[in-house]
């Protein structure tokens, strides 16, 4: 381990290679649509009450990855897996084509999902 690095900011050192400890942009974790304590069941419960095409980002059941949970037109809750690869967020689109994004906002925009804006619960 060793101690965590200083306050990273922009313009830190060069990005590490695969598995070099480099992390993608995690600024979304300061926003209310990031729900670190939500699983699939919490997402399905709370998203019943939001407008269609509103969603959250939450940890995936696969360690280190994420899921976007959102309410589709018609009211069904959809869960889209987002995998971290190096500095990118990757997801499969409906055609089975792998899309890559630099940050989680890009994933939300691609899915046309509005960010859930409540800090609570």
N, C-alpha and C. Protein backbone atom coordinates (compact mmCIF):
# COMPACT_ATOMS: atom_id res chain seq x y z
N UNK A 1 0.74 -1.23 0.00
CA UNK A 1 0.00 0.00 0.00
C UNK A 1 0.77 1.28 0.00
N UNK A 2 1.31 1.70 1.12
CA UNK A 2 1.90 3.04 1.18
C UNK A 2 0.80 4.08 1.32
N UNK A 3 1.17 5.30 1.64
CA UNK A 3 0.16 6.35 1.85
C UNK A 3 -0.50 6.77 0.55
N UNK A 4 -1.75 7.23 0.60
CA UNK A 4 -2.37 7.74 -0.63
C UNK A 4 -1.65 8.99 -1.11
N UNK A 5 -1.71 9.23 -2.41
CA UNK A 5 -1.03 10.39 -2.97
C UNK A 5 -1.67 11.68 -2.50
N UNK A 6 -1.05 12.80 -2.86
CA UNK A 6 -1.57 14.11 -2.49
C UNK A 6 -2.86 14.40 -3.24
N UNK A 7 -3.29 15.67 -3.21
CA UNK A 7 -4.59 16.03 -3.75
C UNK A 7 -4.63 16.11 -5.25
N UNK A 8 -4.36 15.04 -5.92
CA UNK A 8 -4.40 14.85 -7.37
C UNK A 8 -4.69 16.00 -8.30
N UNK A 9 -5.69 16.84 -8.06
CA UNK A 9 -6.01 17.96 -8.93
C UNK A 9 -5.87 17.65 -10.41
N UNK A 10 -5.99 18.66 -11.24
CA UNK A 10 -5.77 18.45 -12.67
C UNK A 10 -4.27 18.47 -12.93
N UNK A 11 -3.85 17.90 -14.04
CA UNK A 11 -2.44 17.95 -14.39
C UNK A 11 -1.55 17.20 -13.44
N UNK A 12 -2.00 16.06 -12.93
CA UNK A 12 -1.14 15.24 -12.09
C UNK A 12 -0.06 14.61 -12.96
N UNK A 13 0.54 13.55 -12.49
CA UNK A 13 1.59 12.88 -13.28
C UNK A 13 0.99 12.21 -14.49
N UNK A 14 1.84 11.53 -15.25
CA UNK A 14 1.34 10.82 -16.44
C UNK A 14 0.41 9.69 -16.01
N UNK A 15 -0.59 9.38 -16.83
CA UNK A 15 -1.49 8.28 -16.47
C UNK A 15 -0.74 6.95 -16.47
N UNK A 16 -1.09 6.09 -15.53
CA UNK A 16 -0.44 4.78 -15.48
C UNK A 16 -0.94 3.91 -16.62
N UNK A 17 -0.22 2.86 -16.92
CA UNK A 17 -0.67 1.92 -17.94
C UNK A 17 -1.79 1.07 -17.38
N UNK A 18 -2.15 -0.01 -18.09
CA UNK A 18 -3.20 -0.89 -17.59
C UNK A 18 -2.79 -1.42 -16.22
N UNK A 19 -3.67 -1.28 -15.26
CA UNK A 19 -3.38 -1.80 -13.93
C UNK A 19 -2.33 -0.99 -13.20
N UNK A 20 -1.98 0.20 -13.70
CA UNK A 20 -0.96 1.00 -13.05
C UNK A 20 -1.51 1.92 -11.98
N UNK A 21 -2.72 1.64 -11.51
CA UNK A 21 -3.29 2.47 -10.47
C UNK A 21 -3.98 3.71 -11.01
N UNK A 22 -3.96 3.92 -12.33
CA UNK A 22 -4.65 5.08 -12.90
C UNK A 22 -6.15 4.87 -12.75
N UNK A 23 -6.84 5.94 -12.41
CA UNK A 23 -8.29 5.85 -12.27
C UNK A 23 -8.93 6.79 -13.27
N UNK A 24 -10.10 6.42 -13.77
CA UNK A 24 -10.81 7.36 -14.64
C UNK A 24 -11.34 8.54 -13.83
N UNK A 25 -11.92 9.49 -14.51
CA UNK A 25 -12.47 10.68 -13.89
C UNK A 25 -13.63 10.29 -12.97
N UNK A 26 -13.47 10.54 -11.67
CA UNK A 26 -14.51 10.16 -10.71
C UNK A 26 -15.21 11.37 -10.12
N UNK A 27 -15.18 12.48 -10.83
CA UNK A 27 -15.83 13.70 -10.32
C UNK A 27 -17.31 13.49 -10.06
N UNK A 28 -17.91 12.55 -10.78
CA UNK A 28 -19.35 12.31 -10.59
C UNK A 28 -19.67 11.89 -9.16
N UNK A 29 -18.67 11.40 -8.42
CA UNK A 29 -18.92 10.95 -7.05
C UNK A 29 -19.19 12.11 -6.09
N UNK A 30 -19.05 13.36 -6.58
CA UNK A 30 -19.42 14.51 -5.78
C UNK A 30 -20.82 15.00 -6.11
N UNK A 31 -21.53 14.29 -6.96
CA UNK A 31 -22.85 14.74 -7.40
C UNK A 31 -23.95 13.85 -6.80
N UNK A 32 -25.17 14.41 -6.70
CA UNK A 32 -26.22 13.65 -6.01
C UNK A 32 -26.71 12.41 -6.75
N UNK A 33 -26.42 12.29 -8.05
CA UNK A 33 -26.91 11.08 -8.73
C UNK A 33 -26.02 9.86 -8.46
N UNK A 34 -24.87 10.06 -7.79
CA UNK A 34 -24.04 8.93 -7.37
C UNK A 34 -24.59 8.39 -6.06
N UNK A 35 -24.96 7.11 -6.06
CA UNK A 35 -25.57 6.48 -4.89
C UNK A 35 -24.72 5.30 -4.43
N UNK A 36 -23.67 5.59 -3.63
CA UNK A 36 -22.73 4.52 -3.26
C UNK A 36 -23.35 3.42 -2.42
N UNK A 37 -24.48 3.70 -1.77
CA UNK A 37 -25.09 2.69 -0.91
C UNK A 37 -26.27 1.98 -1.54
N UNK A 38 -26.57 2.31 -2.80
CA UNK A 38 -27.72 1.68 -3.45
C UNK A 38 -27.30 0.42 -4.18
N UNK A 39 -28.11 -0.61 -4.03
CA UNK A 39 -28.03 -1.78 -4.89
C UNK A 39 -29.19 -1.75 -5.87
N UNK A 40 -29.35 -2.85 -6.58
CA UNK A 40 -30.42 -2.94 -7.57
C UNK A 40 -31.80 -2.73 -6.92
N UNK A 41 -32.03 -3.33 -5.75
CA UNK A 41 -33.36 -3.24 -5.15
C UNK A 41 -33.68 -1.83 -4.68
N UNK A 42 -32.67 -1.12 -4.11
CA UNK A 42 -32.89 0.27 -3.70
C UNK A 42 -33.20 1.13 -4.92
N UNK A 43 -32.45 0.93 -5.99
CA UNK A 43 -32.67 1.71 -7.21
C UNK A 43 -34.09 1.49 -7.71
N UNK A 44 -34.53 0.23 -7.73
CA UNK A 44 -35.86 -0.05 -8.26
C UNK A 44 -36.95 0.56 -7.36
N UNK A 45 -36.68 0.60 -6.06
CA UNK A 45 -37.67 1.17 -5.15
C UNK A 45 -37.76 2.69 -5.31
N UNK A 46 -36.61 3.37 -5.24
CA UNK A 46 -36.64 4.84 -5.26
C UNK A 46 -36.97 5.40 -6.63
N UNK A 47 -36.57 4.71 -7.69
CA UNK A 47 -36.79 5.26 -9.02
C UNK A 47 -38.25 5.12 -9.47
N UNK A 48 -39.06 4.39 -8.71
CA UNK A 48 -40.49 4.37 -9.03
C UNK A 48 -41.07 5.78 -9.02
N UNK A 49 -40.50 6.64 -8.16
CA UNK A 49 -41.11 7.94 -7.92
C UNK A 49 -40.54 9.06 -8.79
N UNK A 50 -39.62 8.75 -9.68
CA UNK A 50 -39.00 9.82 -10.47
C UNK A 50 -39.63 9.90 -11.86
N UNK A 51 -39.42 11.03 -12.56
CA UNK A 51 -39.90 11.10 -13.94
C UNK A 51 -39.19 10.08 -14.83
N UNK A 52 -39.82 9.73 -15.93
CA UNK A 52 -39.19 8.80 -16.88
C UNK A 52 -37.87 9.37 -17.37
N UNK A 53 -36.94 8.46 -17.66
CA UNK A 53 -35.61 8.80 -18.15
C UNK A 53 -34.79 9.61 -17.13
N UNK A 54 -35.05 9.33 -15.84
CA UNK A 54 -34.23 9.86 -14.76
C UNK A 54 -33.51 8.67 -14.13
N UNK A 55 -32.23 8.86 -13.76
CA UNK A 55 -31.50 7.73 -13.22
C UNK A 55 -30.36 8.11 -12.31
N UNK A 56 -29.71 7.07 -11.80
CA UNK A 56 -28.60 7.21 -10.87
C UNK A 56 -27.45 6.34 -11.34
N UNK A 57 -26.27 6.62 -10.77
CA UNK A 57 -25.13 5.72 -10.92
C UNK A 57 -24.90 5.09 -9.56
N UNK A 58 -24.62 3.79 -9.58
CA UNK A 58 -24.40 3.06 -8.32
C UNK A 58 -23.30 2.04 -8.55
N UNK A 59 -22.75 1.51 -7.46
CA UNK A 59 -21.74 0.46 -7.65
C UNK A 59 -22.38 -0.78 -8.27
N UNK A 60 -21.65 -1.43 -9.14
CA UNK A 60 -22.11 -2.70 -9.68
C UNK A 60 -21.89 -3.80 -8.67
N UNK A 61 -22.58 -4.92 -8.85
CA UNK A 61 -22.30 -6.09 -8.01
C UNK A 61 -20.92 -6.66 -8.35
N UNK A 62 -20.38 -6.29 -9.53
CA UNK A 62 -19.01 -6.67 -9.89
C UNK A 62 -18.06 -5.62 -9.35
N UNK A 63 -17.18 -5.99 -8.46
CA UNK A 63 -16.30 -5.03 -7.79
C UNK A 63 -15.56 -4.15 -8.78
N UNK A 64 -15.51 -2.87 -8.49
CA UNK A 64 -14.76 -1.93 -9.32
C UNK A 64 -15.53 -1.38 -10.50
N UNK A 65 -16.70 -1.95 -10.78
CA UNK A 65 -17.50 -1.46 -11.90
C UNK A 65 -18.74 -0.75 -11.38
N UNK A 66 -19.52 -0.22 -12.32
CA UNK A 66 -20.68 0.60 -11.97
C UNK A 66 -21.90 0.13 -12.72
N UNK A 67 -23.04 0.65 -12.31
CA UNK A 67 -24.28 0.43 -13.05
C UNK A 67 -25.04 1.75 -13.10
N UNK A 68 -25.66 2.03 -14.23
CA UNK A 68 -26.61 3.12 -14.35
C UNK A 68 -28.00 2.50 -14.24
N UNK A 69 -28.76 2.95 -13.26
CA UNK A 69 -30.14 2.48 -13.11
C UNK A 69 -31.06 3.65 -13.44
N UNK A 70 -32.01 3.42 -14.34
CA UNK A 70 -32.88 4.53 -14.73
C UNK A 70 -34.27 4.01 -15.09
N UNK A 71 -35.22 4.95 -15.07
CA UNK A 71 -36.61 4.62 -15.36
C UNK A 71 -36.87 4.86 -16.84
N UNK A 72 -37.21 3.81 -17.54
CA UNK A 72 -37.47 3.92 -18.97
C UNK A 72 -38.86 4.49 -19.22
N UNK A 73 -39.08 4.96 -20.46
CA UNK A 73 -40.42 5.36 -20.87
C UNK A 73 -41.34 4.16 -20.65
N UNK A 74 -42.44 4.38 -19.97
CA UNK A 74 -43.33 3.26 -19.64
C UNK A 74 -43.17 2.79 -18.21
N UNK A 75 -42.08 3.22 -17.55
CA UNK A 75 -41.96 2.98 -16.12
C UNK A 75 -41.08 1.83 -15.68
N UNK A 76 -40.54 1.04 -16.64
CA UNK A 76 -39.69 -0.07 -16.24
C UNK A 76 -38.32 0.45 -15.82
N UNK A 77 -37.72 -0.16 -14.80
CA UNK A 77 -36.38 0.24 -14.35
C UNK A 77 -35.35 -0.59 -15.11
N UNK A 78 -34.44 0.10 -15.76
CA UNK A 78 -33.38 -0.54 -16.55
C UNK A 78 -32.06 -0.40 -15.80
N UNK A 79 -31.22 -1.42 -15.87
CA UNK A 79 -29.89 -1.38 -15.26
C UNK A 79 -28.86 -1.63 -16.36
N UNK A 80 -27.98 -0.67 -16.56
CA UNK A 80 -26.95 -0.79 -17.59
C UNK A 80 -25.58 -0.89 -16.93
N UNK A 81 -24.85 -1.94 -17.23
CA UNK A 81 -23.52 -2.13 -16.65
C UNK A 81 -22.51 -1.17 -17.29
N UNK A 82 -21.67 -0.58 -16.47
CA UNK A 82 -20.58 0.28 -16.94
C UNK A 82 -19.29 -0.27 -16.35
N UNK A 83 -18.37 -0.68 -17.23
CA UNK A 83 -17.12 -1.27 -16.78
C UNK A 83 -16.00 -0.25 -16.89
N UNK A 84 -15.07 -0.31 -15.94
CA UNK A 84 -13.90 0.55 -15.97
C UNK A 84 -12.77 -0.18 -16.67
N UNK A 85 -12.21 0.45 -17.69
CA UNK A 85 -11.04 -0.09 -18.38
C UNK A 85 -10.00 1.01 -18.47
N UNK A 86 -8.95 0.91 -17.66
CA UNK A 86 -7.94 1.95 -17.67
C UNK A 86 -8.57 3.27 -17.25
N UNK A 87 -8.52 4.26 -18.14
CA UNK A 87 -9.06 5.58 -17.84
C UNK A 87 -10.45 5.78 -18.45
N UNK A 88 -11.07 4.71 -18.94
CA UNK A 88 -12.33 4.84 -19.67
C UNK A 88 -13.47 4.11 -18.95
N UNK A 89 -14.67 4.63 -19.17
CA UNK A 89 -15.89 3.92 -18.79
C UNK A 89 -16.46 3.29 -20.05
N UNK A 90 -16.74 2.00 -19.99
CA UNK A 90 -17.20 1.27 -21.18
C UNK A 90 -18.58 0.66 -20.91
N UNK A 91 -19.44 0.73 -21.92
CA UNK A 91 -20.73 0.06 -21.84
C UNK A 91 -21.11 -0.47 -23.21
N UNK A 92 -21.96 -1.47 -23.20
CA UNK A 92 -22.46 -2.03 -24.45
C UNK A 92 -23.74 -1.31 -24.82
N UNK A 93 -23.83 -0.85 -26.07
CA UNK A 93 -25.08 -0.21 -26.48
C UNK A 93 -26.08 -1.29 -26.89
N UNK A 94 -27.27 -0.86 -27.31
CA UNK A 94 -28.34 -1.83 -27.60
C UNK A 94 -27.99 -2.71 -28.79
N UNK A 95 -27.06 -2.28 -29.63
CA UNK A 95 -26.63 -3.08 -30.78
C UNK A 95 -25.49 -4.03 -30.42
N UNK A 96 -25.07 -4.00 -29.14
CA UNK A 96 -23.96 -4.85 -28.73
C UNK A 96 -22.61 -4.27 -29.09
N UNK A 97 -22.57 -2.96 -29.40
CA UNK A 97 -21.31 -2.30 -29.73
C UNK A 97 -20.78 -1.62 -28.48
N UNK A 98 -19.48 -1.78 -28.25
CA UNK A 98 -18.85 -1.24 -27.05
C UNK A 98 -18.61 0.25 -27.22
N UNK A 99 -19.16 1.04 -26.31
CA UNK A 99 -18.97 2.49 -26.32
C UNK A 99 -18.02 2.85 -25.18
N UNK A 100 -17.14 3.83 -25.44
CA UNK A 100 -16.19 4.26 -24.41
C UNK A 100 -16.38 5.73 -24.11
N UNK A 101 -16.25 6.08 -22.84
CA UNK A 101 -16.47 7.45 -22.39
C UNK A 101 -15.38 7.85 -21.42
N UNK A 102 -15.06 9.16 -21.41
CA UNK A 102 -14.04 9.67 -20.51
C UNK A 102 -14.56 9.91 -19.10
N UNK A 103 -15.86 10.11 -18.97
CA UNK A 103 -16.42 10.33 -17.64
C UNK A 103 -17.86 9.82 -17.60
N UNK A 104 -18.40 9.75 -16.39
CA UNK A 104 -19.72 9.15 -16.22
C UNK A 104 -20.81 10.04 -16.82
N UNK A 105 -20.58 11.37 -16.85
CA UNK A 105 -21.57 12.24 -17.48
C UNK A 105 -21.76 11.88 -18.94
N UNK A 106 -20.68 11.47 -19.59
CA UNK A 106 -20.79 11.05 -20.99
C UNK A 106 -21.68 9.84 -21.16
N UNK A 107 -21.59 8.91 -20.20
CA UNK A 107 -22.45 7.73 -20.24
C UNK A 107 -23.92 8.14 -20.10
N UNK A 108 -24.18 9.02 -19.12
CA UNK A 108 -25.56 9.46 -18.88
C UNK A 108 -26.12 10.17 -20.11
N UNK A 109 -25.29 11.03 -20.73
CA UNK A 109 -25.75 11.76 -21.92
C UNK A 109 -26.04 10.79 -23.06
N UNK A 110 -25.16 9.80 -23.23
CA UNK A 110 -25.36 8.83 -24.30
C UNK A 110 -26.68 8.08 -24.11
N UNK A 111 -26.97 7.72 -22.86
CA UNK A 111 -28.22 7.01 -22.56
C UNK A 111 -29.43 7.94 -22.55
N UNK A 112 -29.17 9.25 -22.62
CA UNK A 112 -30.23 10.27 -22.56
C UNK A 112 -30.99 10.21 -21.23
N UNK A 113 -30.21 9.94 -20.17
CA UNK A 113 -30.79 9.85 -18.83
C UNK A 113 -30.50 11.14 -18.07
N UNK A 114 -31.54 11.71 -17.48
CA UNK A 114 -31.37 12.87 -16.62
C UNK A 114 -30.85 12.42 -15.26
N UNK A 115 -29.97 13.21 -14.66
CA UNK A 115 -29.41 12.83 -13.37
C UNK A 115 -30.44 13.04 -12.26
N UNK A 116 -30.58 12.03 -11.44
CA UNK A 116 -31.38 12.13 -10.21
C UNK A 116 -30.75 13.19 -9.34
N UNK A 117 -31.54 14.13 -8.82
CA UNK A 117 -30.94 15.30 -8.18
C UNK A 117 -31.15 15.37 -6.67
N UNK A 118 -31.72 14.33 -6.10
CA UNK A 118 -31.96 14.36 -4.64
C UNK A 118 -30.78 13.73 -3.91
N UNK A 119 -30.25 14.43 -2.91
CA UNK A 119 -29.21 13.82 -2.07
C UNK A 119 -29.82 12.73 -1.20
N UNK A 120 -31.06 12.93 -0.77
CA UNK A 120 -31.69 11.94 0.09
C UNK A 120 -32.54 11.02 -0.77
N UNK A 121 -32.67 9.76 -0.45
CA UNK A 121 -32.00 9.16 0.70
C UNK A 121 -30.52 8.95 0.41
